[in-house]
Each structure stands twice: as structure tokens, then as C-alpha cells.
Amino acid sequence: MFKFATFAIMPFLFIFPTFAVGEDAHSLASIKGDVGIELKAFDHAMAGSVRDFVIWGSVDERTNTSELIMRRDGQDVRSVFAPREKSFGGVVMHKTSKGVKATNIRFIGLDRRKNEYSFFVNGDQMIATVVGEDFKNNHFIKPTYTISGKNMNDIAFKFDGEACYKYSLHIITMMIAATMH
């Protein structure tokens, strides 16, 4: 029934359950927050707007990857976030009038005691904190995510559904990518 994907990133060890397609499905929910975050989420996929552009993001449970598609500057910007070299992340790139904008996002650790996810984004550390209204069956219930970093204003958004640690990682990664572009 369950398989487990293991990521060892010093000094943390991550064991994420992976599910067959159709398992652990979630109901239609909203994600709303700072910088114009207005999304709908269903079954590990989300779509809507961030600032002044539209996004679509989805998680592939079989491969532990997520894909983010943004419509920016007249182009579809596609990014895949995946496990690689004992890490998780990816690069977002798109052309602007000033050249190519690139954002490298790498997940570096999770402190479950504090519910804090740590990332390197273009070499700078970012922290994403998760606070749920409750925690049941290994899921945050109606979590609020706050992302903070040295070179940015804090960004907060609320998901009125349920998210486990792994799904939260994918949501946070895609939201960092979308809000940085």
C-alpha cells in the first residue's frame, strides 16, 4: 500500500510516504494570501493567480515531483521540482525585457519540532513556517504558511484544506517560485 521515499540531508533524515494515484486525495479548497495569492486546490493540484499572472501547479505522487506553469511576460514558464542528489528543488527561468530571470530553489531541511522548512534560494536561506489550526492523521488542518528570507518581505498564505509534510513541501516550493517571479 505505501512506499517510502527517503532523503538524507545532513543533519536531517526525511522519510516521505508515497501514494498510488488516487490515494490521499483532497477536496476542493482555497489558498489565499499576500501578493495577490488567489488559488483553488484539488487533489494535489492548484490553479489561480499570484500578483498579476496565472499559475498551475501539480504534484506527481509516483515520482515525488511537482510542476509549476506560470503565464509570465507573454510566455509559459515551466519548472519541475524533483528529488536530486540527496536534495529536492529545481530552477525557474524566464525571459524578461532585462534578460533571463533565474531562480534556483533547493530544499535543505525540515525541523518537525518547529514545523520549519529550510531552503536555499539563489544561495540565500529562506524559512517557511507552517501553523495549522489542528494536526490530525499526519496532516496540517487549515495551515497558514509564512515564508521569510533575507532579501524579501515575509509572504503568508492560508490553505483551507489539509496538507501532510510532503504536500506542504511541494506547495511551499511552488509558492516560492511563483512569488519570486
Protein backbone atom coordinates (compact mmCIF):
# COMPACT_ATOMS: atom_id res chain seq x y z
CA MET A 1 0.00 0.00 0.00
CA PHE A 2 2.64 2.56 1.00
CA LYS A 3 6.09 3.01 -0.40
CA PHE A 4 8.61 5.30 1.24
CA ALA A 5 10.97 7.77 -0.37
CA THR A 6 13.95 8.63 1.80
CA PHE A 7 16.05 11.76 1.54
CA ALA A 8 19.12 12.07 3.75
CA ILE A 9 20.25 15.67 4.02
CA MET A 10 22.58 16.34 6.85
CA PRO A 11 21.66 16.72 9.63
CA PHE A 12 18.10 15.71 8.74
CA LEU A 13 16.58 12.44 7.54
CA PHE A 14 13.39 12.61 5.56
CA ILE A 15 11.04 9.71 5.02
CA PHE A 16 8.04 10.67 2.96
CA PRO A 17 5.28 8.20 2.22
CA THR A 18 4.43 7.95 -1.44
CA PHE A 19 0.94 7.05 -2.52
CA ALA A 20 -0.53 5.44 -5.58
CA VAL A 21 -2.56 7.74 -7.77
CA GLY A 22 -5.99 8.32 -6.26
CA GLU A 23 -4.92 7.75 -2.66
CA ASP A 24 -4.82 10.62 -0.18
CA ALA A 25 -6.97 12.83 -2.44
CA HIS A 26 -8.04 16.18 -1.06
CA SER A 27 -11.28 18.12 -1.51
CA LEU A 28 -11.60 21.43 -3.34
CA ALA A 29 -10.00 24.13 -1.19
CA SER A 30 -8.71 27.70 -1.43
CA ILE A 31 -5.24 29.16 -0.97
CA LYS A 32 -5.27 32.90 -0.29
CA GLY A 33 -2.65 35.31 0.91
CA ASP A 34 -0.20 38.12 0.39
CA VAL A 35 0.94 39.39 -3.03
CA GLY A 36 -2.40 38.58 -4.61
CA ILE A 37 -2.34 34.81 -3.97
CA GLU A 38 -5.79 33.56 -5.05
CA LEU A 39 -5.79 29.83 -5.84
CA LYS A 40 -8.04 26.81 -5.82
CA ALA A 41 -6.54 23.46 -4.91
CA PHE A 42 -7.85 19.96 -5.59
CA ASP A 43 -6.25 16.52 -5.44
CA HIS A 44 -2.67 17.81 -5.15
CA ALA A 45 -3.08 20.42 -7.89
CA MET A 46 -3.63 24.17 -7.70
CA ALA A 47 -4.54 26.91 -10.15
CA GLY A 48 -5.25 30.62 -9.94
CA SER A 49 -3.30 33.84 -9.71
CA VAL A 50 -0.30 35.30 -7.94
CA ARG A 51 0.19 39.07 -8.26
CA ASP A 52 -0.77 39.81 -11.86
CA PHE A 53 -0.29 36.43 -13.56
CA VAL A 54 -1.82 32.95 -13.58
CA ILE A 55 -0.27 29.71 -12.36
CA TRP A 56 -0.97 25.99 -12.45
CA GLY A 57 0.88 23.58 -10.17
CA SER A 58 0.54 19.86 -9.62
CA VAL A 59 2.24 17.09 -7.67
CA ASP A 60 3.05 13.69 -9.19
CA GLU A 61 2.89 11.25 -6.27
CA ARG A 62 4.61 8.45 -8.22
CA THR A 63 7.77 10.42 -8.92
CA ASN A 64 7.71 12.82 -5.93
CA THR A 65 7.92 15.74 -8.34
CA SER A 66 5.88 18.87 -8.83
CA GLU A 67 5.45 21.01 -11.90
CA LEU A 68 4.68 24.71 -11.91
CA ILE A 69 3.45 26.51 -15.02
CA MET A 70 3.18 30.30 -14.94
CA ARG A 71 1.98 32.63 -17.67
CA ARG A 72 4.55 35.43 -17.42
CA ASP A 73 5.60 38.13 -19.88
CA GLY A 74 3.74 36.52 -22.79
CA GLN A 75 5.24 33.07 -22.27
CA ASP A 76 4.50 29.83 -20.45
CA VAL A 77 7.20 29.33 -17.84
CA ARG A 78 7.51 25.66 -16.87
CA SER A 79 9.51 24.37 -13.93
CA VAL A 80 9.85 20.91 -12.41
CA PHE A 81 10.86 20.39 -8.79
CA ALA A 82 12.28 16.95 -8.09
CA PRO A 83 14.47 14.90 -5.79
CA ARG A 84 18.06 15.11 -7.00
CA GLU A 85 21.43 14.46 -5.42
CA LYS A 86 20.01 13.92 -1.90
CA SER A 87 18.04 17.14 -2.21
CA PHE A 88 14.77 18.47 -3.63
CA GLY A 89 14.26 21.51 -5.84
CA GLY A 90 14.68 23.00 -9.27
CA VAL A 91 15.31 26.12 -11.32
CA VAL A 92 12.73 28.58 -12.63
CA MET A 93 13.80 30.55 -15.72
CA HIS A 94 12.01 33.00 -17.93
CA LYS A 95 12.89 35.81 -20.33
CA THR A 96 12.13 39.38 -19.32
CA SER A 97 12.77 42.68 -21.06
CA LYS A 98 16.00 42.89 -18.99
CA GLY A 99 17.25 39.37 -19.83
CA VAL A 100 16.73 35.94 -18.29
CA LYS A 101 15.47 35.75 -14.73
CA ALA A 102 16.58 32.54 -12.97
CA THR A 103 15.68 31.32 -9.50
CA ASN A 104 17.35 28.22 -8.06
CA ILE A 105 15.33 26.67 -5.21
CA ARG A 106 16.79 23.89 -3.04
CA PHE A 107 15.09 22.35 -0.01
CA ILE A 108 17.73 21.80 2.68
CA GLY A 109 15.86 20.60 5.74
CA LEU A 110 12.80 20.26 7.89
CA ASP A 111 12.61 20.82 11.63
CA ARG A 112 9.41 18.98 12.59
CA ARG A 113 9.54 20.31 16.16
CA LYS A 114 9.14 23.85 14.82
CA ASN A 115 7.37 22.91 11.56
CA GLU A 116 10.01 24.90 9.69
CA TYR A 117 11.19 24.11 6.19
CA SER A 118 14.60 25.50 5.19
CA PHE A 119 15.57 26.37 1.62
CA PHE A 120 18.41 27.95 -0.29
CA VAL A 121 17.02 30.31 -2.92
CA ASN A 122 19.77 31.65 -5.19
CA GLY A 123 22.18 30.91 -2.34
CA ASP A 124 20.21 32.79 0.35
CA GLN A 125 18.46 30.91 3.12
CA MET A 126 14.67 31.08 3.39
CA ILE A 127 12.49 29.63 6.11
CA ALA A 128 8.87 28.56 5.65
CA THR A 129 6.88 28.01 8.83
CA VAL A 130 3.63 26.03 8.94
CA VAL A 131 0.98 26.59 11.62
CA GLY A 132 -2.18 24.54 11.31
CA GLU A 133 -5.45 25.06 13.13
CA ASP A 134 -5.01 21.40 14.08
CA PHE A 135 -2.89 18.37 13.19
CA LYS A 136 -4.67 15.05 12.56
CA ASN A 137 -3.69 11.85 10.78
CA ASN A 138 -0.31 13.33 9.87
CA HIS A 139 -1.96 16.35 8.18
CA PHE A 140 -1.99 20.04 8.98
CA ILE A 141 -5.61 21.17 9.11
CA LYS A 142 -6.19 24.60 7.52
CA PRO A 143 -2.50 25.56 7.67
CA THR A 144 -1.03 29.04 7.35
CA TYR A 145 2.38 29.19 5.66
CA THR A 146 4.81 32.05 6.22
CA ILE A 147 7.90 32.35 4.04
CA SER A 148 10.69 34.68 5.14
CA GLY A 149 14.14 35.43 3.85
CA LYS A 150 16.93 37.96 3.99
CA ASN A 151 16.14 39.68 0.69
CA MET A 152 12.35 39.66 0.77
CA ASN A 153 9.29 40.73 2.69
CA ASP A 154 7.51 37.91 4.51
CA ILE A 155 4.82 36.21 2.45
CA ALA A 156 1.92 34.47 4.19
CA PHE A 157 -0.90 32.41 2.75
CA LYS A 158 -3.62 30.19 4.18
CA PHE A 159 -4.74 26.84 2.76
CA ASP A 160 -8.26 25.98 3.91
CA GLY A 161 -7.72 22.27 3.24
CA GLU A 162 -5.39 19.62 4.61
CA ALA A 163 -1.71 19.03 3.83
CA CYS A 164 0.83 16.49 5.05
CA TYR A 165 4.52 17.34 5.40
CA LYS A 166 5.33 16.23 1.85
CA TYR A 167 2.45 18.06 0.19
CA SER A 168 3.38 21.14 2.23
CA LEU A 169 6.92 20.92 0.83
CA HIS A 170 5.55 20.96 -2.72
CA ILE A 171 3.13 23.83 -2.00
CA ILE A 172 5.86 25.92 -0.37
CA THR A 173 8.35 25.25 -3.19
CA MET A 174 5.86 26.24 -5.88
CA MET A 175 4.81 29.35 -3.95
CA ILE A 176 8.44 30.46 -3.50
CA ALA A 177 8.89 30.05 -7.27
CA ALA A 178 5.71 31.91 -8.15
CA THR A 179 6.25 34.81 -5.74
CA MET A 180 9.91 35.24 -6.75
CA HIS A 181 8.90 35.69 -10.39
